[in-house]
Amino acid sequence: MTALLSTLQTRLQKRAAYARTKAEIESMPINVAIDLDIYQPDAAKIAAQAVYGR
């Protein structure tokens, strides 16, 4: 049971980190995104790579 709760907690933490990262990329001013060479419509892909490593 403890392992299940630990796994659930880890997944929830990663999901929250993914949501925060995606929101930050999407709300980034366009000039900052250009400077960082980030294409904002790829926010979900970038956030998934950063949080989940895929």
N, C-alpha and C. Protein backbone atom coordinates (compact mmCIF):
# COMPACT_ATOMS: atom_id res chain seq x y z
N MET A 1 0.82 -1.19 0.00
CA MET A 1 0.00 0.00 0.00
C MET A 1 0.86 1.26 0.00
N THR A 2 1.96 1.21 0.73
CA THR A 2 2.86 2.36 0.79
C THR A 2 3.47 2.64 -0.58
N ALA A 3 3.83 1.60 -1.30
CA ALA A 3 4.40 1.77 -2.63
C ALA A 3 3.39 2.41 -3.57
N LEU A 4 2.16 2.02 -3.45
CA LEU A 4 1.10 2.60 -4.29
C LEU A 4 0.94 4.08 -4.02
N LEU A 5 0.92 4.46 -2.75
CA LEU A 5 0.79 5.87 -2.38
C LEU A 5 2.01 6.68 -2.82
N SER A 6 3.18 6.08 -2.71
CA SER A 6 4.40 6.74 -3.14
C SER A 6 4.39 6.97 -4.65
N THR A 7 3.96 5.96 -5.40
CA THR A 7 3.87 6.08 -6.86
C THR A 7 2.86 7.14 -7.25
N LEU A 8 1.73 7.14 -6.58
CA LEU A 8 0.69 8.12 -6.86
C LEU A 8 1.18 9.53 -6.56
N GLN A 9 1.86 9.70 -5.45
CA GLN A 9 2.40 11.01 -5.08
C GLN A 9 3.42 11.49 -6.11
N THR A 10 4.29 10.61 -6.55
CA THR A 10 5.29 10.96 -7.56
C THR A 10 4.63 11.38 -8.86
N ARG A 11 3.64 10.63 -9.29
CA ARG A 11 2.93 10.96 -10.53
C ARG A 11 2.22 12.31 -10.43
N LEU A 12 1.60 12.57 -9.29
CA LEU A 12 0.92 13.85 -9.10
C LEU A 12 1.91 15.02 -9.09
N GLN A 13 3.06 14.81 -8.47
CA GLN A 13 4.08 15.85 -8.47
C GLN A 13 4.60 16.13 -9.87
N LYS A 14 4.81 15.07 -10.64
CA LYS A 14 5.28 15.25 -12.02
C LYS A 14 4.22 15.93 -12.88
N ARG A 15 2.96 15.56 -12.68
CA ARG A 15 1.88 16.18 -13.45
C ARG A 15 1.79 17.67 -13.13
N ALA A 16 1.94 18.03 -11.86
CA ALA A 16 1.91 19.44 -11.47
C ALA A 16 3.10 20.19 -12.08
N ALA A 17 4.27 19.58 -12.06
CA ALA A 17 5.45 20.21 -12.67
C ALA A 17 5.26 20.39 -14.16
N TYR A 18 4.67 19.39 -14.82
CA TYR A 18 4.38 19.48 -16.26
C TYR A 18 3.43 20.64 -16.54
N ALA A 19 2.36 20.74 -15.77
CA ALA A 19 1.37 21.80 -15.98
C ALA A 19 1.99 23.19 -15.76
N ARG A 20 2.82 23.33 -14.73
CA ARG A 20 3.48 24.61 -14.47
C ARG A 20 4.43 24.97 -15.60
N THR A 21 5.23 24.01 -16.04
CA THR A 21 6.20 24.25 -17.10
C THR A 21 5.51 24.63 -18.39
N LYS A 22 4.46 23.91 -18.75
CA LYS A 22 3.71 24.19 -19.97
C LYS A 22 3.09 25.58 -19.92
N ALA A 23 2.50 25.93 -18.79
CA ALA A 23 1.88 27.25 -18.63
C ALA A 23 2.92 28.37 -18.72
N GLU A 24 4.08 28.15 -18.14
CA GLU A 24 5.13 29.17 -18.21
C GLU A 24 5.61 29.39 -19.64
N ILE A 25 5.78 28.31 -20.38
CA ILE A 25 6.22 28.44 -21.77
C ILE A 25 5.15 29.16 -22.59
N GLU A 26 3.90 28.79 -22.40
CA GLU A 26 2.81 29.39 -23.16
C GLU A 26 2.62 30.87 -22.83
N SER A 27 2.92 31.28 -21.61
CA SER A 27 2.72 32.67 -21.22
C SER A 27 3.96 33.54 -21.42
N MET A 28 5.04 32.94 -21.88
CA MET A 28 6.29 33.65 -22.09
C MET A 28 6.11 34.71 -23.19
N PRO A 29 6.63 35.92 -22.98
CA PRO A 29 6.57 36.92 -24.05
C PRO A 29 7.28 36.41 -25.31
N ILE A 30 6.75 36.76 -26.45
CA ILE A 30 7.26 36.24 -27.71
C ILE A 30 8.74 36.59 -27.92
N ASN A 31 9.15 37.78 -27.51
CA ASN A 31 10.56 38.15 -27.71
C ASN A 31 11.50 37.29 -26.87
N VAL A 32 11.07 36.90 -25.68
CA VAL A 32 11.88 36.01 -24.84
C VAL A 32 11.93 34.61 -25.47
N ALA A 33 10.79 34.14 -25.95
CA ALA A 33 10.75 32.83 -26.60
C ALA A 33 11.67 32.79 -27.81
N ILE A 34 11.67 33.85 -28.59
CA ILE A 34 12.56 33.91 -29.77
C ILE A 34 14.01 33.90 -29.33
N ASP A 35 14.34 34.67 -28.29
CA ASP A 35 15.71 34.70 -27.78
C ASP A 35 16.17 33.33 -27.30
N LEU A 36 15.25 32.56 -26.73
CA LEU A 36 15.59 31.23 -26.22
C LEU A 36 15.40 30.14 -27.26
N ASP A 37 15.01 30.53 -28.46
CA ASP A 37 14.78 29.60 -29.57
C ASP A 37 13.71 28.57 -29.21
N ILE A 38 12.60 29.07 -28.63
CA ILE A 38 11.48 28.22 -28.24
C ILE A 38 10.29 28.55 -29.12
N TYR A 39 9.69 27.53 -29.68
CA TYR A 39 8.48 27.67 -30.48
C TYR A 39 7.32 27.38 -29.54
N GLN A 40 6.56 28.41 -29.17
CA GLN A 40 5.55 28.28 -28.13
C GLN A 40 4.48 27.22 -28.40
N PRO A 41 4.05 26.98 -29.64
CA PRO A 41 3.07 25.90 -29.84
C PRO A 41 3.61 24.51 -29.46
N ASP A 42 4.91 24.38 -29.29
CA ASP A 42 5.51 23.12 -28.85
C ASP A 42 5.62 23.04 -27.33
N ALA A 43 4.89 23.86 -26.61
CA ALA A 43 4.99 23.92 -25.15
C ALA A 43 4.75 22.56 -24.50
N ALA A 44 3.75 21.83 -24.96
CA ALA A 44 3.45 20.52 -24.37
C ALA A 44 4.61 19.55 -24.57
N LYS A 45 5.17 19.56 -25.75
CA LYS A 45 6.30 18.67 -26.06
C LYS A 45 7.53 19.03 -25.22
N ILE A 46 7.81 20.32 -25.12
CA ILE A 46 8.96 20.78 -24.34
C ILE A 46 8.78 20.45 -22.86
N ALA A 47 7.58 20.69 -22.34
CA ALA A 47 7.31 20.39 -20.93
C ALA A 47 7.41 18.90 -20.64
N ALA A 48 6.89 18.07 -21.54
CA ALA A 48 6.99 16.62 -21.35
C ALA A 48 8.43 16.16 -21.34
N GLN A 49 9.23 16.72 -22.23
CA GLN A 49 10.66 16.37 -22.27
C GLN A 49 11.35 16.79 -20.97
N ALA A 50 11.04 17.98 -20.48
CA ALA A 50 11.68 18.49 -19.27
C ALA A 50 11.29 17.69 -18.03
N VAL A 51 10.04 17.30 -17.93
CA VAL A 51 9.55 16.64 -16.72
C VAL A 51 9.68 15.11 -16.78
N TYR A 52 9.24 14.55 -17.87
CA TYR A 52 9.19 13.09 -17.99
C TYR A 52 10.38 12.49 -18.75
N GLY A 53 11.14 13.34 -19.43
CA GLY A 53 12.29 12.84 -20.18
C GLY A 53 11.92 12.13 -21.46
N ARG A 54 10.75 12.44 -22.02
CA ARG A 54 10.37 11.81 -23.28
C ARG A 54 10.04 12.84 -24.32
